[in-house]
C-alpha atoms as a PDB file:
ATOM      1  CA  MET A   1     -28.479  57.285   7.826  1.00  0.00           C
ATOM      2  CA  ALA A   2     -30.004  53.791   7.342  1.00  0.00           C
ATOM      3  CA  LYS A   3     -28.791  53.730   3.786  1.00  0.00           C
ATOM      4  CA  ASP A   4     -25.227  54.392   4.854  1.00  0.00           C
ATOM      5  CA  MET A   5     -25.204  51.671   7.497  1.00  0.00           C
ATOM      6  CA  PRO A   6     -23.674  48.353   6.396  1.00  0.00           C
ATOM      7  CA  ASN A   7     -26.003  45.333   6.351  1.00  0.00           C
ATOM      8  CA  ASN A   8     -24.680  42.969   9.114  1.00  0.00           C
ATOM      9  CA  ARG A   9     -26.378  39.964   7.560  1.00  0.00           C
ATOM     10  CA  ASP A  10     -24.758  40.751   4.167  1.00  0.00           C
ATOM     11  CA  SER A  11     -21.363  41.157   5.828  1.00  0.00           C
ATOM     12  CA  GLN A  12     -21.610  37.861   7.682  1.00  0.00           C
ATOM     13  CA  SER A  13     -22.683  36.114   4.465  1.00  0.00           C
ATOM     14  CA  GLN A  14     -19.844  37.693   2.567  1.00  0.00           C
ATOM     15  CA  GLY A  15     -17.407  36.589   5.265  1.00  0.00           C
ATOM     16  CA  ARG A  16     -18.630  32.983   4.982  1.00  0.00           C
ATOM     17  CA  ASP A  17     -18.900  32.927   1.235  1.00  0.00           C
ATOM     18  CA  GLY A  18     -15.632  34.757   0.892  1.00  0.00           C
ATOM     19  CA  LEU A  19     -13.554  32.393   2.987  1.00  0.00           C
ATOM     20  CA  GLU A  20     -11.693  30.771   0.061  1.00  0.00           C
ATOM     21  CA  PRO A  21     -10.920  34.117  -1.597  1.00  0.00           C
ATOM     22  CA  ALA A  22      -9.686  35.380   1.769  1.00  0.00           C
ATOM     23  CA  ILE A  23      -7.255  32.482   2.094  1.00  0.00           C
ATOM     24  CA  ASP A  24      -6.117  32.931  -1.504  1.00  0.00           C
ATOM     25  CA  SER A  25      -5.494  36.593  -1.075  1.00  0.00           C
ATOM     26  CA  VAL A  26      -3.603  35.979   2.152  1.00  0.00           C
ATOM     27  CA  GLU A  27      -1.365  33.458   0.308  1.00  0.00           C
ATOM     28  CA  THR A  28      -0.581  35.956  -2.416  1.00  0.00           C
ATOM     29  CA  ASN A  29       0.271  38.715   0.032  1.00  0.00           C
ATOM     30  CA  PRO A  30       4.058  39.068   0.161  1.00  0.00           C
ATOM     31  CA  LYS A  31       4.108  40.003   3.856  1.00  0.00           C
ATOM     32  CA  VAL A  32       1.879  37.050   4.760  1.00  0.00           C
ATOM     33  CA  LYS A  33       4.040  34.802   2.619  1.00  0.00           C
ATOM     34  CA  GLN A  34       7.069  35.827   4.588  1.00  0.00           C
ATOM     35  CA  GLY A  35       5.176  35.199   7.817  1.00  0.00           C
ATOM     36  CA  LYS A  36       4.351  31.701   6.713  1.00  0.00           C
ATOM     37  CA  ARG A  37       7.972  30.989   5.823  1.00  0.00           C
ATOM     38  CA  SER A  38       8.884  32.273   9.321  1.00  0.00           C
ATOM     39  CA  LEU A  39       6.212  30.033  10.786  1.00  0.00           C
ATOM     40  CA  VAL A  40       7.563  26.921   8.998  1.00  0.00           C
ATOM     41  CA  ALA A  41      11.149  27.719   9.785  1.00  0.00           C
ATOM     42  CA  GLY A  42      10.413  28.802  13.381  1.00  0.00           C
ATOM     43  CA  VAL A  43       7.781  26.231  14.400  1.00  0.00           C
ATOM     44  CA  LEU A  44       7.356  23.319  12.015  1.00  0.00           C
ATOM     45  CA  GLY A  45      11.111  22.765  11.445  1.00  0.00           C
ATOM     46  CA  PRO A  46      11.996  22.547  15.171  1.00  0.00           C
ATOM     47  CA  ALA A  47       8.876  20.415  15.822  1.00  0.00           C
ATOM     48  CA  LEU A  48       9.952  17.937  13.123  1.00  0.00           C
ATOM     49  CA  LYS A  49      13.456  17.884  14.584  1.00  0.00           C
ATOM     50  CA  LEU A  50      12.087  17.199  18.017  1.00  0.00           C
ATOM     51  CA  TRP A  51       9.933  14.434  16.701  1.00  0.00           C
ATOM     52  CA  LEU A  52      12.759  12.804  14.784  1.00  0.00           C
ATOM     53  CA  ARG A  53      15.015  12.966  17.915  1.00  0.00           C
ATOM     54  CA  SER A  54      12.269  11.243  19.860  1.00  0.00           C
ATOM     55  CA  GLN A  55      12.277   8.301  17.386  1.00  0.00           C
ATOM     56  CA  VAL A  56      15.978   7.439  17.930  1.00  0.00           C
ATOM     57  CA  GLU A  57      18.197   6.596  20.835  1.00  0.00           C
ATOM     58  CA  ALA A  58      20.997   8.987  19.836  1.00  0.00           C
ATOM     59  CA  VAL A  59      22.056  11.273  17.001  1.00  0.00           C
ATOM     60  CA  ASP A  60      25.107  13.615  16.667  1.00  0.00           C
ATOM     61  CA  ARG A  61      23.990  15.992  13.933  1.00  0.00           C
ATOM     62  CA  LEU A  62      20.435  16.450  12.621  1.00  0.00           C
ATOM     63  CA  GLU A  63      19.410  18.761   9.824  1.00  0.00           C
ATOM     64  CA  VAL A  64      15.800  19.064   8.539  1.00  0.00           C
ATOM     65  CA  SER A  65      14.739  20.927   5.414  1.00  0.00           C
ATOM     66  CA  ILE A  66      11.086  21.472   4.495  1.00  0.00           C
ATOM     67  CA  GLY A  67      10.137  22.090   0.914  1.00  0.00           C
ATOM     68  CA  SER A  68       7.088  22.272  -1.399  1.00  0.00           C
ATOM     69  CA  GLU A  69       5.935  20.673  -4.635  1.00  0.00           C
ATOM     70  CA  THR A  70       7.226  23.781  -6.523  1.00  0.00           C
ATOM     71  CA  GLY A  71      10.697  23.312  -5.091  1.00  0.00           C
ATOM     72  CA  GLU A  72      10.496  26.601  -3.213  1.00  0.00           C
ATOM     73  CA  GLY A  73      11.772  25.932   0.349  1.00  0.00           C
ATOM     74  CA  ASN A  74       9.245  26.416   3.251  1.00  0.00           C
ATOM     75  CA  ASN A  75       6.522  27.513   0.741  1.00  0.00           C
ATOM     76  CA  LEU A  76       3.646  25.523   2.267  1.00  0.00           C
ATOM     77  CA  SER A  77       0.040  26.587   1.635  1.00  0.00           C
ATOM     78  CA  SER A  78      -2.496  27.303   4.401  1.00  0.00           C
ATOM     79  CA  ARG A  79      -4.518  24.250   3.232  1.00  0.00           C
ATOM     80  CA  GLN A  80      -1.438  21.964   3.516  1.00  0.00           C
ATOM     81  CA  MET A  81      -0.672  23.242   6.988  1.00  0.00           C
ATOM     82  CA  LEU A  82      -4.278  22.761   8.156  1.00  0.00           C
ATOM     83  CA  THR A  83      -4.668  19.237   6.664  1.00  0.00           C
ATOM     84  CA  GLY A  84      -1.292  18.151   7.992  1.00  0.00           C
ATOM     85  CA  ARG A  85       0.279  17.513   4.562  1.00  0.00           C
ATOM     86  CA  ILE A  86       3.971  18.239   4.105  1.00  0.00           C
ATOM     87  CA  PRO A  87       4.965  17.895   0.441  1.00  0.00           C
ATOM     88  CA  LEU A  88       8.708  17.368   0.983  1.00  0.00           C
ATOM     89  CA  VAL A  89      11.097  16.835   3.884  1.00  0.00           C
ATOM     90  CA  GLN A  90      14.879  16.201   3.596  1.00  0.00           C
ATOM     91  CA  VAL A  91      16.865  14.903   6.526  1.00  0.00           C
ATOM     92  CA  GLU A  92      20.577  14.646   7.075  1.00  0.00           C
ATOM     93  CA  ALA A  93      22.054  13.026  10.180  1.00  0.00           C
ATOM     94  CA  ASP A  94      25.261  11.576  11.584  1.00  0.00           C
ATOM     95  CA  SER A  95      25.872   8.782  14.062  1.00  0.00           C
ATOM     96  CA  VAL A  96      22.244   7.766  14.490  1.00  0.00           C
ATOM     97  CA  ILE A  97      21.240   4.917  16.804  1.00  0.00           C
ATOM     98  CA  TYR A  98      17.783   3.588  15.870  1.00  0.00           C
ATOM     99  CA  LYS A  99      16.462   0.521  17.689  1.00  0.00           C
ATOM    100  CA  GLY A 100      20.000  -0.731  18.184  1.00  0.00           C
ATOM    101  CA  LEU A 101      21.079  -0.004  14.589  1.00  0.00           C
ATOM    102  CA  HIS A 102      24.220   2.152  14.477  1.00  0.00           C
ATOM    103  CA  LEU A 103      23.845   4.300  11.396  1.00  0.00           C
ATOM    104  CA  GLY A 104      26.702   6.477  10.133  1.00  0.00           C
ATOM    105  CA  GLN A 105      25.914   9.114   7.570  1.00  0.00           C
ATOM    106  CA  LEU A 106      22.179   9.149   6.831  1.00  0.00           C
ATOM    107  CA  GLN A 107      20.207  11.002   4.156  1.00  0.00           C
ATOM    108  CA  LEU A 108      16.414  10.685   3.895  1.00  0.00           C
ATOM    109  CA  VAL A 109      13.967  12.324   1.433  1.00  0.00           C
ATOM    110  CA  GLY A 110      10.236  11.890   2.033  1.00  0.00           C
ATOM    111  CA  GLN A 111       7.332  13.201   0.026  1.00  0.00           C
ATOM    112  CA  ASP A 112       3.631  13.733   0.739  1.00  0.00           C
ATOM    113  CA  ILE A 113       4.091  13.268   4.441  1.00  0.00           C
ATOM    114  CA  ARG A 114       0.893  13.242   6.516  1.00  0.00           C
ATOM    115  CA  MET A 115       1.089  14.400  10.156  1.00  0.00           C
ATOM    116  CA  ASN A 116      -1.291  15.691  12.775  1.00  0.00           C
ATOM    117  CA  LEU A 117      -0.193  19.300  12.439  1.00  0.00           C
ATOM    118  CA  GLY A 118      -3.599  20.651  13.348  1.00  0.00           C
ATOM    119  CA  GLN A 119      -3.531  18.742  16.653  1.00  0.00           C
ATOM    120  CA  ALA A 120       0.093  19.451  17.288  1.00  0.00           C
ATOM    121  CA  VAL A 121      -0.438  23.219  17.302  1.00  0.00           C
ATOM    122  CA  ARG A 122      -3.018  22.572  20.060  1.00  0.00           C
ATOM    123  CA  GLY A 123      -0.403  20.792  22.243  1.00  0.00           C
ATOM    124  CA  LYS A 124      -0.834  17.216  21.064  1.00  0.00           C
ATOM    125  CA  PRO A 125       2.366  15.105  20.311  1.00  0.00           C
ATOM    126  CA  LEU A 126       3.372  15.321  16.659  1.00  0.00           C
ATOM    127  CA  LYS A 127       2.962  11.956  14.845  1.00  0.00           C
ATOM    128  CA  LEU A 128       2.549  10.382  11.468  1.00  0.00           C
ATOM    129  CA  THR A 129      -0.985   9.632  10.288  1.00  0.00           C
ATOM    130  CA  ALA A 130      -0.125   7.510   7.279  1.00  0.00           C
ATOM    131  CA  PRO A 131       2.829   5.418   6.121  1.00  0.00           C
ATOM    132  CA  ILE A 132       5.473   7.169   3.997  1.00  0.00           C
ATOM    133  CA  VAL A 133       8.095   5.845   1.637  1.00  0.00           C
ATOM    134  CA  VAL A 134      11.435   7.661   1.988  1.00  0.00           C
ATOM    135  CA  ASP A 135      14.448   7.556  -0.253  1.00  0.00           C
ATOM    136  CA  LEU A 136      17.425   6.370   1.721  1.00  0.00           C
ATOM    137  CA  ALA A 137      21.226   6.779   1.424  1.00  0.00           C
ATOM    138  CA  LEU A 138      23.320   5.378   4.243  1.00  0.00           C
ATOM    139  CA  LYS A 139      26.977   4.785   5.073  1.00  0.00           C
ATOM    140  CA  MET A 140      28.118   2.496   7.907  1.00  0.00           C
ATOM    141  CA  THR A 141      31.672   1.796   9.137  1.00  0.00           C
ATOM    142  CA  GLU A 142      32.950  -1.614  10.182  1.00  0.00           C
ATOM    143  CA  ALA A 143      32.473  -0.745  13.837  1.00  0.00           C
ATOM    144  CA  GLN A 144      28.943   0.556  13.246  1.00  0.00           C
ATOM    145  CA  LEU A 145      27.990  -2.549  11.304  1.00  0.00           C
ATOM    146  CA  ASN A 146      29.310  -4.817  14.066  1.00  0.00           C
ATOM    147  CA  ASP A 147      27.570  -2.836  16.776  1.00  0.00           C
ATOM    148  CA  SER A 148      24.264  -3.248  14.871  1.00  0.00           C
ATOM    149  CA  LEU A 149      24.311  -7.031  14.885  1.00  0.00           C
ATOM    150  CA  GLU A 150      22.638  -7.308  18.223  1.00  0.00           C
ATOM    151  CA  SER A 151      19.800  -4.939  17.275  1.00  0.00           C
ATOM    152  CA  PRO A 152      16.295  -6.474  17.715  1.00  0.00           C
ATOM    153  CA  LEU A 153      15.684  -5.653  14.076  1.00  0.00           C
ATOM    154  CA  LEU A 154      18.638  -7.775  12.928  1.00  0.00           C
ATOM    155  CA  ALA A 155      19.345 -10.333  15.650  1.00  0.00           C
ATOM    156  CA  PRO A 156      16.438 -12.720  14.957  1.00  0.00           C
ATOM    157  CA  GLN A 157      17.076 -12.937  11.157  1.00  0.00           C
ATOM    158  CA  LEU A 158      20.763 -13.203  11.742  1.00  0.00           C
ATOM    159  CA  GLY A 159      20.318 -16.040  14.235  1.00  0.00           C
ATOM    160  CA  GLU A 160      18.157 -17.972  11.720  1.00  0.00           C
ATOM    161  CA  TRP A 161      20.657 -17.361   9.000  1.00  0.00           C
ATOM    162  CA  LEU A 162      23.573 -18.596  11.124  1.00  0.00           C
ATOM    163  CA  ASN A 163      21.755 -21.829  11.791  1.00  0.00           C
ATOM    164  CA  LEU A 164      21.217 -22.371   8.074  1.00  0.00           C
ATOM    165  CA  LEU A 165      24.804 -21.441   7.401  1.00  0.00           C
ATOM    166  CA  GLN A 166      26.066 -24.111   9.739  1.00  0.00           C
ATOM    167  CA  GLU A 167      23.945 -26.764   8.198  1.00  0.00           C
ATOM    168  CA  LEU A 168      25.350 -25.934   4.712  1.00  0.00           C
ATOM    169  CA  LEU A 169      28.916 -25.698   5.855  1.00  0.00           C
ATOM    170  CA  ILE A 170      29.271 -29.070   7.468  1.00  0.00           C
ATOM    171  CA  GLU A 171      29.771 -32.275   5.410  1.00  0.00           C
ATOM    172  CA  GLU A 172      26.953 -34.672   6.065  1.00  0.00           C
ATOM    173  CA  GLU A 173      29.223 -37.658   6.636  1.00  0.00           C
ATOM    174  CA  SER A 174      31.306 -35.674   9.140  1.00  0.00           C
ATOM    175  CA  LEU A 175      28.184 -34.727  11.114  1.00  0.00           C
ATOM    176  CA  GLU A 176      26.995 -38.300  11.315  1.00  0.00           C
ATOM    177  CA  ALA A 177      30.463 -39.762  12.158  1.00  0.00           C
ATOM    178  CA  SER A 178      31.886 -37.355  14.678  1.00  0.00           C
ATOM    179  CA  GLY A 179      29.171 -34.952  15.728  1.00  0.00           C
ATOM    180  CA  VAL A 180      30.857 -31.915  14.096  1.00  0.00           C
ATOM    181  CA  GLY A 181      28.584 -28.972  14.186  1.00  0.00           C
ATOM    182  CA  THR A 182      26.537 -29.872  17.258  1.00  0.00           C
ATOM    183  CA  GLU A 183      27.553 -26.536  18.893  1.00  0.00           C
ATOM    184  CA  SER A 184      25.974 -23.416  17.520  1.00  0.00           C
ATOM    185  CA  LEU A 185      27.849 -20.559  15.782  1.00  0.00           C
ATOM    186  CA  SER A 186      28.648 -17.395  17.748  1.00  0.00           C
ATOM    187  CA  GLN A 187      27.708 -13.854  16.653  1.00  0.00           C
ATOM    188  CA  PRO A 188      29.875 -13.056  13.618  1.00  0.00           C
ATOM    189  CA  ARG A 189      32.547 -10.351  13.345  1.00  0.00           C
ATOM    190  CA  ILE A 190      32.421  -8.528  10.088  1.00  0.00           C
ATOM    191  CA  ALA A 191      35.332  -6.856   8.167  1.00  0.00           C
ATOM    192  CA  LEU A 192      34.932  -4.580   5.229  1.00  0.00           C
ATOM    193  CA  ALA A 193      37.420  -4.102   2.326  1.00  0.00           C
ATOM    194  CA  GLY A 194      39.603  -1.091   3.046  1.00  0.00           C
ATOM    195  CA  GLY A 195      38.701  -1.030   6.724  1.00  0.00           C
ATOM    196  CA  GLU A 196      40.816  -1.767   9.817  1.00  0.00           C
ATOM    197  CA  LEU A 197      39.592  -5.360  10.112  1.00  0.00           C
ATOM    198  CA  GLY A 198      39.419  -5.966   6.339  1.00  0.00           C
ATOM    199  CA  SER A 199      42.696  -4.435   5.179  1.00  0.00           C
ATOM    200  CA  GLY A 200      43.561  -7.705   3.271  1.00  0.00           C
ATOM    201  CA  LEU A 201      40.287  -8.111   1.539  1.00  0.00           C
ATOM    202  CA  GLY A 202      39.760  -7.484  -2.209  1.00  0.00           C
ATOM    203  CA  ALA A 203      37.585  -4.685  -3.502  1.00  0.00           C
ATOM    204  CA  GLU A 204      33.900  -4.941  -2.680  1.00  0.00           C
ATOM    205  CA  ARG A 205      34.508  -7.876  -0.361  1.00  0.00           C
ATOM    206  CA  LEU A 206      33.276  -8.558   3.084  1.00  0.00           C
ATOM    207  CA  GLY A 207      34.919 -10.817   5.658  1.00  0.00           C
ATOM    208  CA  LEU A 208      32.891 -12.970   8.080  1.00  0.00           C
ATOM    209  CA  ARG A 209      34.439 -14.663  11.173  1.00  0.00           C
ATOM    210  CA  VAL A 210      32.387 -16.865  13.480  1.00  0.00           C
ATOM    211  CA  CYS A 211      33.298 -19.338  16.135  1.00  0.00           C
ATOM    212  CA  GLN A 212      31.791 -22.722  16.701  1.00  0.00           C
ATOM    213  CA  GLY A 213      31.690 -23.902  20.333  1.00  0.00           C
ATOM    214  CA  ALA A 214      32.349 -20.411  21.692  1.00  0.00           C
ATOM    215  CA  GLN A 215      31.400 -21.512  25.169  1.00  0.00           C
ATOM    216  CA  SER A 216      33.719 -24.492  25.216  1.00  0.00           C
ATOM    217  CA  ALA A 217      37.565 -24.890  25.315  1.00  0.00           C
ATOM    218  CA  ALA A 218      37.604 -26.529  21.855  1.00  0.00           C
ATOM    219  CA  GLN A 219      36.658 -23.544  19.629  1.00  0.00           C
ATOM    220  CA  THR A 220      36.657 -23.714  15.860  1.00  0.00           C
ATOM    221  CA  GLU A 221      36.929 -20.456  14.011  1.00  0.00           C
ATOM    222  CA  LEU A 222      35.469 -20.100  10.569  1.00  0.00           C
ATOM    223  CA  ALA A 223      36.712 -17.397   8.235  1.00  0.00           C
ATOM    224  CA  ILE A 224      34.706 -16.702   5.095  1.00  0.00           C
ATOM    225  CA  GLU A 225      34.805 -13.776   2.573  1.00  0.00           C
ATOM    226  CA  THR A 226      32.163 -12.814   0.114  1.00  0.00           C
ATOM    227  CA  GLY A 227      30.701 -10.093  -2.025  1.00  0.00           C
ATOM    228  CA  LEU A 228      27.147  -8.779  -1.488  1.00  0.00           C
ATOM    229  CA  ALA A 229      24.182  -8.265  -3.768  1.00  0.00           C
ATOM    230  CA  VAL A 230      20.536  -7.277  -3.385  1.00  0.00           C
ATOM    231  CA  ARG A 231      17.697  -9.395  -4.602  1.00  0.00           C
ATOM    232  CA  ASN A 232      14.051  -8.301  -4.753  1.00  0.00           C
ATOM    233  CA  GLY A 233      14.880  -5.259  -2.727  1.00  0.00           C
ATOM    234  CA  ASN A 234      14.789  -6.904   0.710  1.00  0.00           C
ATOM    235  CA  LEU A 235      17.064  -9.950   0.408  1.00  0.00           C
ATOM    236  CA  LEU A 236      20.816  -9.639   1.007  1.00  0.00           C
ATOM    237  CA  LYS A 237      22.643 -12.251  -1.105  1.00  0.00           C
ATOM    238  CA  LEU A 238      26.206 -13.528  -0.821  1.00  0.00           C
ATOM    239  CA  ARG A 239      28.145 -13.250  -4.051  1.00  0.00           C
ATOM    240  CA  GLN A 240      30.996 -15.725  -4.694  1.00  0.00           C
ATOM    241  CA  PRO A 241      31.470 -16.837  -1.085  1.00  0.00           C
ATOM    242  CA  CYS A 242      34.747 -18.725  -0.299  1.00  0.00           C
ATOM    243  CA  TRP A 243      37.002 -19.611   2.608  1.00  0.00           C
ATOM    244  CA  SER A 244      39.495 -16.903   3.360  1.00  0.00           C
ATOM    245  CA  GLU A 245      41.475 -19.490   5.406  1.00  0.00           C
ATOM    246  CA  ALA A 246      41.597 -23.291   5.063  1.00  0.00           C
ATOM    247  CA  PRO A 247      38.361 -24.788   6.259  1.00  0.00           C
ATOM    248  CA  PRO A 248      38.389 -26.802   9.507  1.00  0.00           C
ATOM    249  CA  ALA A 249      38.076 -30.574   9.371  1.00  0.00           C
ATOM    250  CA  GLY A 250      34.540 -31.766   8.569  1.00  0.00           C
ATOM    251  CA  PHE A 251      33.530 -28.579   6.728  1.00  0.00           C
ATOM    252  CA  GLN A 252      32.784 -28.366   3.018  1.00  0.00           C
ATOM    253  CA  GLU A 253      35.388 -26.754   0.741  1.00  0.00           C
ATOM    254  CA  ASP A 254      32.824 -25.606  -1.856  1.00  0.00           C
ATOM    255  CA  LEU A 255      30.725 -22.712  -0.426  1.00  0.00           C
ATOM    256  CA  SER A 256      28.781 -21.917  -3.621  1.00  0.00           C
ATOM    257  CA  SER A 257      25.550 -23.186  -2.010  1.00  0.00           C
ATOM    258  CA  LEU A 258      25.763 -20.213   0.435  1.00  0.00           C
ATOM    259  CA  ALA A 259      24.767 -17.846  -2.424  1.00  0.00           C
ATOM    260  CA  MET A 260      21.345 -19.527  -2.389  1.00  0.00           C
ATOM    261  CA  MET A 261      20.754 -18.490   1.235  1.00  0.00           C
ATOM    262  CA  PRO A 262      19.866 -14.780   1.333  1.00  0.00           C
ATOM    263  CA  LEU A 263      19.470 -12.762   4.543  1.00  0.00           C
ATOM    264  CA  LYS A 264      15.964 -11.311   4.926  1.00  0.00           C
ATOM    265  CA  LEU A 265      15.798  -7.602   5.617  1.00  0.00           C
ATOM    266  CA  GLY A 266      12.079  -7.076   6.178  1.00  0.00           C
ATOM    267  CA  ARG A 267       9.133  -6.067   4.052  1.00  0.00           C
ATOM    268  CA  ASP A 268       9.500  -2.295   4.709  1.00  0.00           C
ATOM    269  CA  VAL A 269      12.986  -2.285   3.099  1.00  0.00           C
ATOM    270  CA  ALA A 270      13.551  -1.907  -0.661  1.00  0.00           C
ATOM    271  CA  LEU A 271      17.291  -1.598  -1.328  1.00  0.00           C
ATOM    272  CA  GLU A 272      18.460  -0.676  -4.837  1.00  0.00           C
ATOM    273  CA  ARG A 273      22.231  -0.778  -4.374  1.00  0.00           C
ATOM    274  CA  ILE A 274      24.796  -2.067  -1.838  1.00  0.00           C
ATOM    275  CA  ALA A 275      28.512  -1.397  -2.090  1.00  0.00           C
ATOM    276  CA  ILE A 276      31.676  -1.711   0.014  1.00  0.00           C
ATOM    277  CA  ALA A 277      34.452   0.907  -0.285  1.00  0.00           C
ATOM    278  CA  ALA A 278      37.072   2.317   2.055  1.00  0.00           C
ATOM    279  CA  GLY A 279      35.927   0.379   5.063  1.00  0.00           C
ATOM    280  CA  GLN A 280      32.286   1.415   4.727  1.00  0.00           C
ATOM    281  CA  LEU A 281      29.054  -0.188   3.665  1.00  0.00           C
ATOM    282  CA  HIS A 282      27.006   1.985   1.281  1.00  0.00           C
ATOM    283  CA  LEU A 283      23.246   1.443   0.938  1.00  0.00           C
ATOM    284  CA  THR A 284      20.734   3.200  -1.214  1.00  0.00           C
ATOM    285  CA  GLY A 285      17.026   2.443  -1.696  1.00  0.00           C
ATOM    286  CA  GLN A 286      13.671   3.089  -0.042  1.00  0.00           C
ATOM    287  CA  LEU A 287      12.315   2.529   3.439  1.00  0.00           C
ATOM    288  CA  THR A 288       8.672   2.533   4.393  1.00  0.00           C
ATOM    289  CA  VAL A 289       8.110   4.294   7.729  1.00  0.00           C
ATOM    290  CA  GLN A 290       4.954   3.178   9.531  1.00  0.00           C
ATOM    291  CA  PRO A 291       2.927   5.505  11.817  1.00  0.00           C
END
């Protein structure tokens, strides 16, 4: 009888020593594989959706796809799940509002994402544990672009840029003689080629209208048009700026110096391309998302 009884000590040792083979065998079992895919689709996918919704003020449509390094959807290993590593996430969304930015059609692709999945399954809030760089493709309409100008992410840089713009626009002798330019410029209104406001603009052109002395009876409206270009990934540069209407008295006729005054987009932005078509602004590049 004693010879037929299993050795409990040996069994316990085998269980400890055989932990890795046990995981490997589970991962190669078709039924368990299907269970893991169901877990990812039924638990991780909705959890990521919920987390993404918590990061924005509003979103109309949100689709999340989870993939692996092999390209097989939802094929995450046990180790990846336990360590909180998600090899690939693709996001598609419409009408997103993020920190005051009104984003139209948005596509994001992130790789090697680190999250506290182990804590999340125990009821802790899901969160990033390391910065990630995501590939970005974005389309914004005229209306969305104008609605975004008051965003706390854009407004400070835009205000500084408008102050510099005013200094460059005004002729020095006019400023000294008559005080032209003592009143600040208002928030601009932007038109895009092919859009409702920019129907008369040429291809790839943007229109910019600002008022000087917006709080007084004597307003001066400035109308400029320009192309756009990206420099060093995070600087938005005016290309061939010019007056779209005759400049008001006291303002320079030559606006070529404005091309030397880029708008700063922030260190977490690395744009590769910017284009204007059919009343929309198209952006592609990368964005670093911080925990």
